[in-house]
């Protein structure tokens, strides 16, 4: 008799990808996925440990699930498992927390889940089961992820795991382990399968995705970084297939499949990566370049391996080489010892770059990190919150200005589904990863650049659907969303052939 498993996912895209791996592992061991915990034999919570707030949310959810177990009166109580980064970080504490979890599995232990569930259900060792062993080799390269039927036209493809950067604030190297890359052949095979299944967009994933190197054979390393950047470790990359080559090969699989990647480190943007992004029509013209701070002195305490000046030089080269590129970033407010002057440097960087999007947080100290061992979390919480509000305000103003410049442009938008607020509108994303709400989607024509509306001589197309590429003229803009009119259905290669870039001014 097949059993049922319910998976909840919190945190980053890598956790989404990991949950798809978990689904595949369980499916091969006589489990079916269910959309509700009410009839599940196993409830698995895939967790994030990057900040206090993320962990607090998981603790609250586990207390809710404890009540579910207590109130289950028809079927045996489900096994509740904690997976991923929080499981790796807290380990035994979860199992001692008043019965909130029956098993704990770290990010490299998902193959062991069927055994762990059976062990927890069997009552051995007080009904507790744990495997948080980190691996130097595990990439799950041979496991075909099981994607949800409602996942839409996009998919995630994990290309590497772990991180060696050891930034002072970051827990990832301790919860995800050392950096290792998946063989290129298995990545390309998965991308080909997705193309055959009709997928229109893939996002390559990794904790430090653009440090990808599938073999490592020598100590030569500095020339692989962007100018002005360095690292605390020596990656062995001579003779390896590096990120630029992989990105080019993935883009070559299907010219009509858009390719994105996240999350990168700024140091791993040498010129050859920028050239691939600029030259490939189906590689998204959006770069996520986590700055974390605009102050060189804070960056040094963070062990980021670059200065403010080196970062701004990378921004200049990216905008020079990639026409229409959009930039996003990460920022931490109130890191150890941050002064008002250092905070002002971050605000001024936000204004100088004008990011379209940013992920911004107040600093939250994590155990085991270099900051926890050597620095003091000495910025008061109220000061952190005030500085974060100022950073958010600077980013919002930059995004508003950037999006105002979009009015009148035509973008190639991948339609993802209906708008959340109206089933008479569709929602999608541009090549530059900006959300677009599309009006007037009932009837229009195939896209013709000689016309600025649907009233041309091309055959009418009734409606647009998830997975369609549509040329959209932007009519108005907010800080986070663009609004536009569809000009016609198109293809990536056709749109690029017409415009030669990710967008065009006018039609």
Protein backbone atom coordinates (compact mmCIF):
# COMPACT_ATOMS: atom_id res chain seq x y z
CA UNK A 1 0.00 0.00 0.00
CA UNK A 2 1.42 3.36 -1.05
CA UNK A 3 1.73 5.98 1.64
CA UNK A 4 1.21 9.72 1.39
CA UNK A 5 3.67 12.55 2.01
CA UNK A 6 3.05 16.27 2.35
CA UNK A 7 5.93 18.72 1.80
CA UNK A 8 5.98 22.36 2.89
CA UNK A 9 8.77 24.55 1.56
CA UNK A 10 10.17 27.73 3.09
CA UNK A 11 13.03 29.98 2.01
CA UNK A 12 14.96 30.23 -1.23
CA UNK A 13 14.60 28.72 -4.70
CA UNK A 14 17.16 26.07 -3.77
CA UNK A 15 14.74 24.79 -1.14
CA UNK A 16 12.04 24.57 -3.81
CA UNK A 17 14.42 22.53 -5.95
CA UNK A 18 15.36 20.35 -2.97
CA UNK A 19 11.68 19.65 -2.26
CA UNK A 20 11.37 18.39 -5.84
CA UNK A 21 14.30 16.03 -5.17
CA UNK A 22 12.62 14.86 -1.95
CA UNK A 23 9.43 14.17 -3.90
CA UNK A 24 11.38 12.03 -6.35
CA UNK A 25 13.13 10.07 -3.59
CA UNK A 26 9.85 9.38 -1.82
CA UNK A 27 8.05 8.53 -5.05
CA UNK A 28 10.58 5.77 -5.69
CA UNK A 29 9.80 4.38 -2.22
CA UNK A 30 6.02 3.98 -2.57
CA UNK A 31 4.95 7.44 -1.49
CA UNK A 32 2.42 9.65 -3.26
CA UNK A 33 2.44 13.40 -2.72
CA UNK A 34 -0.66 14.99 -1.24
CA UNK A 35 -1.69 18.66 -1.28
CA UNK A 36 -2.81 18.67 2.35
CA UNK A 37 -1.35 17.49 5.63
CA UNK A 38 -4.72 16.14 6.74
CA UNK A 39 -4.32 12.73 5.08
CA UNK A 40 -0.51 12.52 5.10
CA UNK A 41 1.51 9.73 6.66
CA UNK A 42 4.57 11.98 6.65
CA UNK A 43 4.65 15.78 6.94
CA UNK A 44 8.01 17.21 5.88
CA UNK A 45 8.92 20.86 6.44
CA UNK A 46 11.82 22.08 4.28
CA UNK A 47 13.32 24.94 6.24
CA UNK A 48 15.46 28.07 6.02
CA UNK A 49 17.95 29.17 8.69
CA UNK A 50 19.35 32.33 7.11
CA UNK A 51 17.76 34.69 9.69
CA UNK A 52 15.98 34.65 13.04
CA UNK A 53 12.67 35.54 11.43
CA UNK A 54 12.78 32.53 9.11
CA UNK A 55 13.45 30.18 12.01
CA UNK A 56 10.72 31.73 14.19
CA UNK A 57 8.20 31.00 11.45
CA UNK A 58 9.24 27.34 11.39
CA UNK A 59 9.02 26.95 15.17
CA UNK A 60 5.47 28.33 15.07
CA UNK A 61 4.54 25.95 12.25
CA UNK A 62 5.94 22.95 14.13
CA UNK A 63 3.79 23.81 17.13
CA UNK A 64 0.76 23.85 14.84
CA UNK A 65 1.70 20.46 13.42
CA UNK A 66 2.09 19.05 16.92
CA UNK A 67 -1.59 19.86 17.43
CA UNK A 68 -2.40 18.09 14.16
CA UNK A 69 -0.65 14.95 15.43
CA UNK A 70 -2.48 15.15 18.75
CA UNK A 71 -5.91 15.56 17.12
CA UNK A 72 -5.48 12.79 14.53
CA UNK A 73 -8.04 10.21 15.68
CA UNK A 74 -8.73 8.08 12.59
CA UNK A 75 -5.34 7.28 11.11
CA UNK A 76 -2.04 6.83 12.96
CA UNK A 77 -0.38 10.13 13.77
CA UNK A 78 1.82 11.38 10.94
CA UNK A 79 5.59 11.53 11.17
CA UNK A 80 6.73 15.17 11.23
CA UNK A 81 10.15 15.83 9.76
CA UNK A 82 12.34 18.93 9.59
CA UNK A 83 14.49 19.10 6.46
CA UNK A 84 17.16 21.43 5.16
CA UNK A 85 19.18 24.24 6.65
CA UNK A 86 17.39 24.61 9.98
CA UNK A 87 17.59 20.88 10.54
CA UNK A 88 21.32 20.95 9.86
CA UNK A 89 21.91 23.99 12.07
CA UNK A 90 19.89 22.96 15.13
CA UNK A 91 20.01 19.18 14.84
CA UNK A 92 19.32 17.66 18.25
CA UNK A 93 17.63 20.76 19.63
CA UNK A 94 14.69 20.11 17.31
CA UNK A 95 14.32 16.55 18.53
CA UNK A 96 14.43 17.69 22.16
CA UNK A 97 11.84 20.42 21.67
CA UNK A 98 8.86 18.77 23.37
CA UNK A 99 8.09 16.37 20.54
CA UNK A 100 7.84 18.99 17.80
CA UNK A 101 9.68 16.76 15.30
CA UNK A 102 10.12 13.03 14.79
CA UNK A 103 13.00 13.22 12.34
CA UNK A 104 15.64 15.65 11.12
CA UNK A 105 17.37 15.43 7.74
CA UNK A 106 20.06 17.79 6.50
CA UNK A 107 20.35 18.98 2.87
CA UNK A 108 22.66 16.09 1.92
CA UNK A 109 20.57 13.33 3.53
CA UNK A 110 17.46 13.25 1.37
CA UNK A 111 18.24 9.81 -0.08
CA UNK A 112 17.91 8.50 3.49
CA UNK A 113 14.41 9.86 4.07
CA UNK A 114 12.45 6.61 3.52
CA UNK A 115 14.58 4.89 6.17
CA UNK A 116 14.32 7.85 8.54
CA UNK A 117 10.53 7.93 8.24
CA UNK A 118 10.31 4.20 8.94
CA UNK A 119 12.65 4.57 11.90
CA UNK A 120 10.60 7.41 13.36
CA UNK A 121 7.36 5.50 12.85
CA UNK A 122 8.79 2.30 14.33
CA UNK A 123 9.60 3.91 17.65
CA UNK A 124 13.23 2.85 17.74
CA UNK A 125 15.53 5.12 19.73
CA UNK A 126 12.48 6.78 21.33
CA UNK A 127 10.93 7.30 17.91
CA UNK A 128 13.56 9.87 16.88
CA UNK A 129 15.56 9.70 13.65
CA UNK A 130 18.31 12.02 12.46
CA UNK A 131 20.80 12.30 9.59
CA UNK A 132 22.54 15.63 9.16
CA UNK A 133 25.80 14.37 7.72
CA UNK A 134 27.18 16.87 5.20
CA UNK A 135 28.79 15.53 2.03
CA UNK A 136 31.73 16.58 -0.09
CA UNK A 137 30.22 14.90 -3.17
CA UNK A 138 26.41 14.81 -3.06
CA UNK A 139 24.75 16.75 -5.90
CA UNK A 140 21.68 14.52 -6.53
CA UNK A 141 22.75 14.56 -10.19
CA UNK A 142 21.11 11.19 -10.90
CA UNK A 143 17.71 12.10 -9.41
CA UNK A 144 15.03 13.49 -11.71
CA UNK A 145 13.10 16.13 -9.70
CA UNK A 146 9.32 15.77 -9.44
CA UNK A 147 7.78 19.14 -10.22
CA UNK A 148 4.31 20.20 -9.19
CA UNK A 149 1.68 20.16 -11.91
CA UNK A 150 0.87 23.82 -11.15
CA UNK A 151 4.51 24.97 -11.41
CA UNK A 152 3.81 26.96 -14.58
CA UNK A 153 6.14 27.42 -17.56
CA UNK A 154 9.32 27.78 -15.48
CA UNK A 155 11.56 25.28 -13.71
CA UNK A 156 14.59 25.26 -11.42
CA UNK A 157 17.73 23.29 -12.22
CA UNK A 158 20.31 22.88 -9.46
CA UNK A 159 23.86 23.01 -10.83
CA UNK A 160 25.98 23.18 -7.66
CA UNK A 161 25.61 22.93 -3.90
CA UNK A 162 27.33 24.43 -0.91
CA UNK A 163 29.53 27.49 -0.57
CA UNK A 164 33.18 28.09 0.28
CA UNK A 165 33.12 31.90 0.54
CA UNK A 166 32.81 31.99 4.35
CA UNK A 167 31.39 35.51 4.49
CA UNK A 168 31.45 36.58 8.13
CA UNK A 169 27.66 36.92 8.44
CA UNK A 170 26.56 33.80 6.57
CA UNK A 171 25.49 30.42 7.94
CA UNK A 172 25.24 28.72 4.52
CA UNK A 173 28.69 27.04 4.50
CA UNK A 174 27.77 25.42 7.82
CA UNK A 175 24.27 24.29 6.82
CA UNK A 176 24.94 23.43 3.16
CA UNK A 177 28.55 22.31 3.35
CA UNK A 178 31.45 22.75 0.97
CA UNK A 179 31.08 23.80 -2.63
CA UNK A 180 30.70 21.05 -5.24
CA UNK A 181 29.40 21.16 -8.79
CA UNK A 182 27.13 18.82 -10.65
CA UNK A 183 28.51 17.23 -13.85
CA UNK A 184 27.71 19.31 -16.93
CA UNK A 185 26.25 16.35 -18.81
CA UNK A 186 23.57 15.68 -16.22
CA UNK A 187 22.60 19.37 -16.18
CA UNK A 188 22.22 19.49 -19.97
CA UNK A 189 20.23 16.25 -19.94
CA UNK A 190 17.78 17.74 -17.45
CA UNK A 191 17.46 20.96 -19.45
CA UNK A 192 16.77 18.92 -22.61
CA UNK A 193 14.04 16.98 -20.78
CA UNK A 194 12.45 20.21 -19.65
CA UNK A 195 12.57 21.57 -23.21
CA UNK A 196 10.91 18.40 -24.52
CA UNK A 197 8.20 18.81 -21.87
CA UNK A 198 7.45 22.35 -23.09
CA UNK A 199 9.17 24.32 -20.34
CA UNK A 200 9.79 27.92 -21.43
CA UNK A 201 12.23 29.09 -18.75
CA UNK A 202 14.88 27.50 -16.54
CA UNK A 203 16.65 29.06 -13.60
CA UNK A 204 20.06 27.61 -12.78
CA UNK A 205 20.49 27.37 -9.02
CA UNK A 206 23.34 27.26 -6.55
CA UNK A 207 24.37 28.83 -3.26
CA UNK A 208 27.13 30.47 -5.28
CA UNK A 209 25.86 29.58 -8.72
CA UNK A 210 28.43 31.37 -10.88
CA UNK A 211 31.37 29.69 -9.12
CA UNK A 212 30.34 26.51 -10.94
CA UNK A 213 33.22 24.23 -11.96
CA UNK A 214 32.59 20.55 -12.52
CA UNK A 215 36.23 19.44 -12.16
CA UNK A 216 39.02 21.08 -10.20
CA UNK A 217 42.61 20.22 -10.98
CA UNK A 218 45.01 23.09 -10.13
CA UNK A 219 45.58 26.04 -7.83
CA UNK A 220 45.45 28.83 -10.45
CA UNK A 221 42.44 30.95 -9.57
CA UNK A 222 42.65 34.76 -9.54
CA UNK A 223 42.08 35.19 -13.28
CA UNK A 224 38.64 33.63 -12.97
CA UNK A 225 37.30 36.49 -10.85
CA UNK A 226 36.02 39.89 -11.85
CA UNK A 227 38.76 42.56 -11.67
CA UNK A 228 39.21 43.87 -8.14
CA UNK A 229 37.65 40.81 -6.45
CA UNK A 230 39.26 38.04 -4.42
CA UNK A 231 38.23 35.15 -2.21
CA UNK A 232 39.29 33.61 1.10
CA UNK A 233 39.68 30.22 -0.59
CA UNK A 234 41.43 28.87 -3.67
CA UNK A 235 39.01 27.12 -6.01
CA UNK A 236 40.60 24.54 -8.28
CA UNK A 237 39.25 25.51 -11.67
CA UNK A 238 41.93 24.94 -14.32
CA UNK A 239 40.67 22.27 -16.69
CA UNK A 240 37.13 22.65 -15.37
CA UNK A 241 33.98 23.53 -17.24
CA UNK A 242 33.27 26.90 -15.68
CA UNK A 243 30.10 28.91 -15.45
CA UNK A 244 30.42 30.89 -18.69
CA UNK A 245 30.84 27.69 -20.70
CA UNK A 246 27.96 25.97 -18.92
CA UNK A 247 25.65 28.97 -19.37
CA UNK A 248 26.45 29.07 -23.07
CA UNK A 249 25.77 25.34 -23.42
CA UNK A 250 22.45 25.56 -21.55
CA UNK A 251 21.35 28.47 -23.74
CA UNK A 252 22.19 26.39 -26.80
CA UNK A 253 19.81 23.57 -25.83
CA UNK A 254 16.69 25.48 -26.87
CA UNK A 255 16.81 29.04 -28.27
CA UNK A 256 13.15 29.44 -27.28
CA UNK A 257 13.81 28.64 -23.61
CA UNK A 258 14.82 31.61 -21.47
CA UNK A 259 17.70 31.00 -19.05
CA UNK A 260 18.19 32.70 -15.67
CA UNK A 261 20.50 31.97 -12.74
CA UNK A 262 20.70 32.68 -9.01
CA UNK A 263 22.23 33.31 -6.55
CA UNK A 264 25.62 34.57 -7.70
CA UNK A 265 28.56 36.25 -6.00
CA UNK A 266 29.90 39.47 -7.58
CA UNK A 267 33.44 38.10 -7.68
CA UNK A 268 32.42 35.43 -10.21
CA UNK A 269 31.42 37.84 -12.99
CA UNK A 270 34.53 37.86 -15.18
CA UNK A 271 34.20 39.36 -18.65
CA UNK A 272 33.46 36.02 -20.32
CA UNK A 273 30.28 35.59 -18.25
CA UNK A 274 29.11 39.09 -19.19
CA UNK A 275 29.84 38.33 -22.85
CA UNK A 276 27.69 35.17 -22.82
CA UNK A 277 24.79 37.05 -21.23
CA UNK A 278 25.09 39.87 -23.76
CA UNK A 279 25.40 37.62 -26.82
CA UNK A 280 22.67 35.06 -26.10
CA UNK A 281 19.13 36.18 -26.90
CA UNK A 282 17.63 33.69 -24.48
CA UNK A 283 19.85 34.47 -21.47
CA UNK A 284 17.99 36.90 -19.25
CA UNK A 285 19.34 40.43 -19.12
CA UNK A 286 19.10 40.70 -15.37
CA UNK A 287 21.96 40.34 -12.90
CA UNK A 288 21.63 39.74 -9.20
CA UNK A 289 24.80 41.21 -7.68
CA UNK A 290 24.61 41.04 -3.86
CA UNK A 291 26.53 44.02 -2.49
CA UNK A 292 25.54 43.52 1.19
CA UNK A 293 27.01 46.96 2.04
CA UNK A 294 28.18 50.12 0.29
CA UNK A 295 31.02 50.67 2.73
CA UNK A 296 34.49 49.26 2.00
CA UNK A 297 35.26 48.98 5.71
CA UNK A 298 32.07 47.02 6.40
CA UNK A 299 32.75 44.82 3.37
CA UNK A 300 36.16 44.03 4.83
CA UNK A 301 34.61 43.02 8.17
CA UNK A 302 32.10 40.92 6.24
CA UNK A 303 34.98 39.17 4.42
CA UNK A 304 33.38 39.86 1.05
CA UNK A 305 36.62 40.17 -0.92
CA UNK A 306 35.99 43.50 -2.67
CA UNK A 307 35.72 47.23 -2.11
CA UNK A 308 32.96 49.68 -2.93
CA UNK A 309 35.05 50.91 -5.88
CA UNK A 310 35.53 47.41 -7.33
CA UNK A 311 31.80 46.76 -7.04
CA UNK A 312 30.88 50.00 -8.80
CA UNK A 313 33.37 49.16 -11.55
CA UNK A 314 31.59 45.83 -12.07
CA UNK A 315 28.26 47.65 -12.29
CA UNK A 316 29.71 49.97 -14.94
CA UNK A 317 31.08 47.07 -17.00
CA UNK A 318 27.81 45.16 -16.77
CA UNK A 319 25.81 48.13 -18.00
CA UNK A 320 28.36 48.80 -20.73
CA UNK A 321 28.39 45.24 -22.03
CA UNK A 322 24.75 44.17 -21.58
CA UNK A 323 22.26 46.48 -23.24
CA UNK A 324 19.23 47.13 -21.05
CA UNK A 325 20.51 45.08 -18.11
CA UNK A 326 18.52 45.29 -14.87
CA UNK A 327 20.33 44.96 -11.55
CA UNK A 328 19.21 43.59 -8.21
CA UNK A 329 21.08 43.10 -4.96
CA UNK A 330 21.11 42.05 -1.29
CA UNK A 331 21.79 44.39 1.62
CA UNK A 332 22.29 43.94 5.36
CA UNK A 333 21.68 46.87 7.69
CA UNK A 334 23.33 47.11 11.09
CA UNK A 335 26.18 44.62 10.66
CA UNK A 336 28.67 44.43 13.54
CA UNK A 337 30.27 47.80 14.24
CA UNK A 338 28.44 49.64 11.46
CA UNK A 339 28.69 53.41 11.99
CA UNK A 340 26.38 56.11 10.67
CA UNK A 341 29.01 57.00 8.07
CA UNK A 342 29.22 53.39 6.88
CA UNK A 343 25.45 53.20 6.72
CA UNK A 344 25.42 56.42 4.68
CA UNK A 345 27.80 54.73 2.23
CA UNK A 346 25.20 52.00 1.68
CA UNK A 347 22.42 54.51 1.07
CA UNK A 348 24.62 56.41 -1.38
CA UNK A 349 25.44 53.16 -3.23
CA UNK A 350 21.73 52.43 -3.53
CA UNK A 351 21.20 55.86 -5.06
CA UNK A 352 24.22 55.62 -7.35
CA UNK A 353 23.26 52.22 -8.82
CA UNK A 354 19.46 52.55 -8.84
CA UNK A 355 18.60 48.88 -8.33
CA UNK A 356 15.37 47.63 -9.84
CA UNK A 357 15.00 45.20 -6.94
CA UNK A 358 16.76 44.37 -3.69
CA UNK A 359 16.40 42.02 -0.75
CA UNK A 360 17.06 44.04 2.39
CA UNK A 361 17.28 42.86 5.99
CA UNK A 362 18.46 43.92 9.41
CA UNK A 363 21.49 41.95 10.55
CA UNK A 364 20.76 38.74 12.44
CA UNK A 365 23.79 37.03 14.00
CA UNK A 366 24.12 33.30 13.28
CA UNK A 367 25.99 30.79 15.41
CA UNK A 368 29.24 29.33 14.03
CA UNK A 369 29.88 32.23 11.65
CA UNK A 370 33.06 34.31 11.78
CA UNK A 371 31.02 37.26 13.04
CA UNK A 372 29.69 35.19 15.95
CA UNK A 373 33.23 34.09 16.83
CA UNK A 374 35.13 37.35 16.38
CA UNK A 375 32.76 40.33 16.26
CA UNK A 376 30.09 41.89 18.45
CA UNK A 377 26.49 42.44 17.40
CA UNK A 378 26.59 45.95 18.84
CA UNK A 379 24.15 47.94 16.71
CA UNK A 380 20.91 48.43 18.69
CA UNK A 381 17.77 46.90 17.20
CA UNK A 382 16.00 50.24 16.87
CA UNK A 383 18.99 51.63 14.97
CA UNK A 384 19.03 48.59 12.68
CA UNK A 385 15.35 49.08 11.91
CA UNK A 386 15.77 52.80 11.22
CA UNK A 387 18.73 52.21 8.92
CA UNK A 388 16.90 49.40 7.14
CA UNK A 389 13.94 51.73 6.53
CA UNK A 390 16.29 54.29 4.97
CA UNK A 391 17.86 51.64 2.72
CA UNK A 392 14.41 50.42 1.66
CA UNK A 393 13.33 53.98 0.89
CA UNK A 394 16.42 54.56 -1.25
CA UNK A 395 15.81 51.33 -3.16
CA UNK A 396 12.13 52.14 -3.73
CA UNK A 397 12.97 55.52 -5.20
CA UNK A 398 15.58 53.97 -7.47
CA UNK A 399 13.12 51.31 -8.64
CA UNK A 400 10.42 53.91 -9.31
CA UNK A 401 12.83 55.95 -11.45
CA UNK A 402 14.03 52.86 -13.34
CA UNK A 403 10.50 51.65 -14.00
CA UNK A 404 9.32 55.11 -15.10
CA UNK A 405 11.86 54.84 -17.91
CA UNK A 406 10.11 51.68 -19.09
CA UNK A 407 6.98 53.54 -20.24
CA UNK A 408 6.74 53.35 -24.02
CA UNK A 409 9.14 50.40 -24.29
CA UNK A 410 8.20 47.02 -25.71
CA UNK A 411 9.24 43.93 -23.76
CA UNK A 412 9.13 40.23 -24.53
CA UNK A 413 7.06 38.88 -21.64
CA UNK A 414 6.74 35.24 -20.64
CA UNK A 415 3.14 34.81 -19.48
CA UNK A 416 2.95 32.90 -16.17
CA UNK A 417 -0.79 32.91 -15.55
CA UNK A 418 -3.72 35.04 -14.52
CA UNK A 419 -3.19 38.15 -12.46
CA UNK A 420 -3.88 37.59 -8.76
CA UNK A 421 -6.34 40.47 -8.72
CA UNK A 422 -8.28 39.83 -11.93
CA UNK A 423 -8.88 36.84 -14.17
CA UNK A 424 -9.31 39.31 -17.05
CA UNK A 425 -5.62 40.19 -16.87
CA UNK A 426 -2.52 38.05 -17.28
CA UNK A 427 0.76 38.27 -15.42
CA UNK A 428 4.27 37.57 -16.61
CA UNK A 429 7.90 38.63 -16.47
CA UNK A 430 10.21 40.45 -18.82
CA UNK A 431 13.68 39.33 -19.81
CA UNK A 432 14.87 41.73 -17.11
CA UNK A 433 12.72 39.88 -14.52
CA UNK A 434 10.19 42.65 -14.00
CA UNK A 435 6.60 41.74 -13.23
CA UNK A 436 4.11 42.88 -15.92
CA UNK A 437 0.33 42.93 -15.66
CA UNK A 438 -1.10 42.60 -19.17
CA UNK A 439 -4.41 44.25 -20.09
CA UNK A 440 -6.58 43.50 -23.13
CA UNK A 441 -5.66 39.84 -23.50
CA UNK A 442 -8.83 38.54 -25.17
CA UNK A 443 -8.08 39.01 -28.88
CA UNK A 444 -5.04 40.38 -30.67
CA UNK A 445 -2.70 39.50 -33.50
CA UNK A 446 0.66 37.89 -34.00
CA UNK A 447 3.29 40.51 -33.24
CA UNK A 448 4.29 42.82 -36.05
CA UNK A 449 6.82 45.58 -35.31
CA UNK A 450 5.22 47.80 -37.96
CA UNK A 451 2.13 48.22 -35.82
CA UNK A 452 1.70 49.60 -32.31
CA UNK A 453 -1.62 47.87 -31.66
CA UNK A 454 -3.49 44.69 -32.44
CA UNK A 455 -5.25 46.27 -35.38
CA UNK A 456 -2.98 44.89 -38.11
CA UNK A 457 -3.54 42.48 -40.95
CA UNK A 458 -2.21 39.40 -39.15
CA UNK A 459 -4.64 36.61 -38.20
CA UNK A 460 -6.35 37.20 -34.87
CA UNK A 461 -5.17 35.21 -31.86
CA UNK A 462 -7.86 34.51 -29.28
CA UNK A 463 -6.43 34.93 -25.81
CA UNK A 464 -3.01 34.25 -24.40
CA UNK A 465 -2.01 31.47 -22.08
CA UNK A 466 0.61 30.53 -19.54
CA UNK A 467 3.82 29.77 -21.39
CA UNK A 468 3.23 32.19 -24.26
CA UNK A 469 5.80 34.84 -25.17
CA UNK A 470 4.03 38.13 -25.86
CA UNK A 471 5.34 41.50 -27.00
CA UNK A 472 3.95 44.02 -24.51
CA UNK A 473 4.06 47.80 -24.67
CA UNK A 474 4.49 49.30 -21.21
CA UNK A 475 1.86 51.95 -20.50
CA UNK A 476 2.42 52.72 -16.82
CA UNK A 477 4.69 51.69 -13.99
CA UNK A 478 4.90 51.39 -10.23
CA UNK A 479 7.88 50.66 -8.02
CA UNK A 480 7.43 46.88 -8.28
CA UNK A 481 5.13 46.25 -11.25
CA UNK A 482 4.74 47.33 -14.87
CA UNK A 483 1.41 47.51 -16.71
CA UNK A 484 1.07 47.10 -20.45
CA UNK A 485 -0.88 46.27 -23.59
CA UNK A 486 -0.18 43.10 -25.62
CA UNK A 487 0.96 43.77 -29.19
CA UNK A 488 1.02 40.15 -30.26
CA UNK A 489 2.34 36.72 -29.60
CA UNK A 490 6.00 36.26 -30.46
CA UNK A 491 9.06 34.07 -29.93
CA UNK A 492 12.34 34.84 -28.20
CA UNK A 493 14.44 34.52 -31.34
CA UNK A 494 11.98 36.51 -33.44
CA UNK A 495 11.75 39.31 -30.89
CA UNK A 496 15.52 39.49 -30.60
CA UNK A 497 15.93 39.43 -34.37
CA UNK A 498 13.59 42.40 -34.66
CA UNK A 499 15.01 44.46 -31.81
CA UNK A 500 18.47 43.11 -31.13
CA UNK A 501 18.02 43.57 -27.39
CA UNK A 502 15.77 42.67 -24.49
CA UNK A 503 13.44 45.58 -25.21
CA UNK A 504 12.87 48.42 -27.63
CA UNK A 505 11.94 52.07 -27.27
CA UNK A 506 8.58 52.42 -28.98
CA UNK A 507 7.55 49.92 -31.66
